[in-house]
């Protein structure tokens, strides 16, 4: 295990998501975020199926910081229940993984 995770967050507004990502990087909760501005999200919410455009970001960070990212998303995200998923990174370029750890704060 590398101690690094990829945290996926979605939002309806790409500009809001980019600004949120910037705040997380500024606060050293993520080393970086790779944003895709146009995805299609099909989901059930409050008994109805929705089909909506969204943006998605993949944050690279420490596993130990996931709880703090979830707290920030719950406090700042415009959704009642924001999508925040942490996926473990099993392996990768050792130099890149070291960079992620260097650029993020210790929990």
Protein backbone atom coordinates (compact mmCIF):
# COMPACT_ATOMS: atom_id res chain seq x y z
CA UNK A 1 0.00 0.00 0.00
CA UNK A 2 1.30 3.43 -0.94
CA UNK A 3 -0.55 5.64 1.54
CA UNK A 4 -1.87 7.58 -1.47
CA UNK A 5 -5.48 7.67 -2.63
CA UNK A 6 -7.42 9.19 -5.49
CA UNK A 7 -10.46 11.09 -4.22
CA UNK A 8 -13.26 11.59 -6.76
CA UNK A 9 -15.66 14.50 -6.28
CA UNK A 10 -18.44 15.59 -8.64
CA UNK A 11 -20.39 18.85 -8.89
CA UNK A 12 -22.83 20.53 -11.23
CA UNK A 13 -20.72 23.68 -11.63
CA UNK A 14 -17.21 23.15 -13.08
CA UNK A 15 -16.06 26.59 -11.88
CA UNK A 16 -17.16 25.85 -8.31
CA UNK A 17 -15.37 22.49 -8.44
CA UNK A 18 -12.15 24.08 -9.73
CA UNK A 19 -12.25 26.70 -6.96
CA UNK A 20 -12.93 24.00 -4.34
CA UNK A 21 -10.01 21.96 -5.70
CA UNK A 22 -7.77 25.04 -5.55
CA UNK A 23 -8.68 25.58 -1.88
CA UNK A 24 -7.84 21.95 -1.07
CA UNK A 25 -4.47 22.25 -2.83
CA UNK A 26 -3.76 25.61 -1.15
CA UNK A 27 -4.51 24.02 2.24
CA UNK A 28 -2.27 21.00 1.40
CA UNK A 29 -5.18 18.57 1.65
CA UNK A 30 -4.46 17.46 -1.93
CA UNK A 31 -1.33 17.60 -4.05
CA UNK A 32 -3.31 18.15 -7.24
CA UNK A 33 -6.67 17.70 -8.90
CA UNK A 34 -7.33 16.53 -12.46
CA UNK A 35 -10.69 17.91 -13.54
CA UNK A 36 -12.95 16.70 -16.34
CA UNK A 37 -15.47 19.43 -17.04
CA UNK A 38 -18.10 17.40 -18.91
CA UNK A 39 -19.45 14.14 -17.60
CA UNK A 40 -22.99 12.82 -17.60
CA UNK A 41 -24.45 11.66 -14.31
CA UNK A 42 -27.50 9.40 -14.19
CA UNK A 43 -28.74 8.74 -10.68
CA UNK A 44 -31.79 8.27 -8.48
CA UNK A 45 -32.49 11.08 -6.00
CA UNK A 46 -35.59 11.43 -3.84
CA UNK A 47 -37.50 8.82 -5.82
CA UNK A 48 -36.77 10.22 -9.29
CA UNK A 49 -34.16 9.32 -11.90
CA UNK A 50 -32.08 12.31 -13.00
CA UNK A 51 -29.83 12.70 -16.04
CA UNK A 52 -27.61 15.75 -15.54
CA UNK A 53 -24.31 17.24 -16.73
CA UNK A 54 -21.61 17.40 -14.06
CA UNK A 55 -17.88 17.95 -13.64
CA UNK A 56 -15.54 15.49 -11.94
CA UNK A 57 -12.21 15.93 -10.22
CA UNK A 58 -9.69 13.26 -9.23
CA UNK A 59 -7.61 14.49 -6.29
CA UNK A 60 -4.31 12.85 -5.37
CA UNK A 61 -3.68 12.91 -1.65
CA UNK A 62 -2.79 10.95 1.47
CA UNK A 63 -5.24 8.33 2.72
CA UNK A 64 -5.00 9.97 6.14
CA UNK A 65 -6.51 13.22 4.76
CA UNK A 66 -9.70 11.72 3.33
CA UNK A 67 -11.81 12.44 6.43
CA UNK A 68 -10.80 16.12 6.30
CA UNK A 69 -11.70 16.33 2.60
CA UNK A 70 -15.09 14.72 3.29
CA UNK A 71 -15.70 17.25 6.10
CA UNK A 72 -14.83 20.15 3.79
CA UNK A 73 -17.06 18.81 1.02
CA UNK A 74 -19.96 18.35 3.44
CA UNK A 75 -19.51 21.92 4.70
CA UNK A 76 -18.88 23.71 1.37
CA UNK A 77 -20.44 21.65 -1.43
CA UNK A 78 -23.78 22.89 -2.84
CA UNK A 79 -25.21 19.33 -2.88
CA UNK A 80 -27.03 17.92 0.15
CA UNK A 81 -25.07 14.67 -0.26
CA UNK A 82 -21.89 15.28 -2.29
CA UNK A 83 -20.16 12.40 -4.05
CA UNK A 84 -16.77 11.92 -2.40
CA UNK A 85 -15.10 8.55 -3.01
CA UNK A 86 -11.57 7.56 -2.02
CA UNK A 87 -9.91 4.90 -4.16
CA UNK A 88 -6.68 3.29 -2.95
CA UNK A 89 -3.59 3.62 -5.12
CA UNK A 90 -1.95 0.19 -5.11
CA UNK A 91 1.17 1.23 -7.01
CA UNK A 92 2.58 3.94 -9.24
CA UNK A 93 5.62 5.93 -10.22
CA UNK A 94 7.59 6.09 -6.94
CA UNK A 95 8.76 9.64 -7.68
CA UNK A 96 5.17 10.80 -8.26
CA UNK A 97 3.89 9.08 -5.11
CA UNK A 98 6.70 10.74 -3.12
CA UNK A 99 5.71 14.11 -4.62
CA UNK A 100 2.07 13.60 -3.54
CA UNK A 101 3.21 12.86 0.00
CA UNK A 102 5.59 15.84 0.01
CA UNK A 103 2.92 18.26 -1.23
CA UNK A 104 0.27 17.25 1.31
CA UNK A 105 0.20 17.80 5.03
CA UNK A 106 0.54 14.97 7.49
CA UNK A 107 -2.77 14.20 9.18
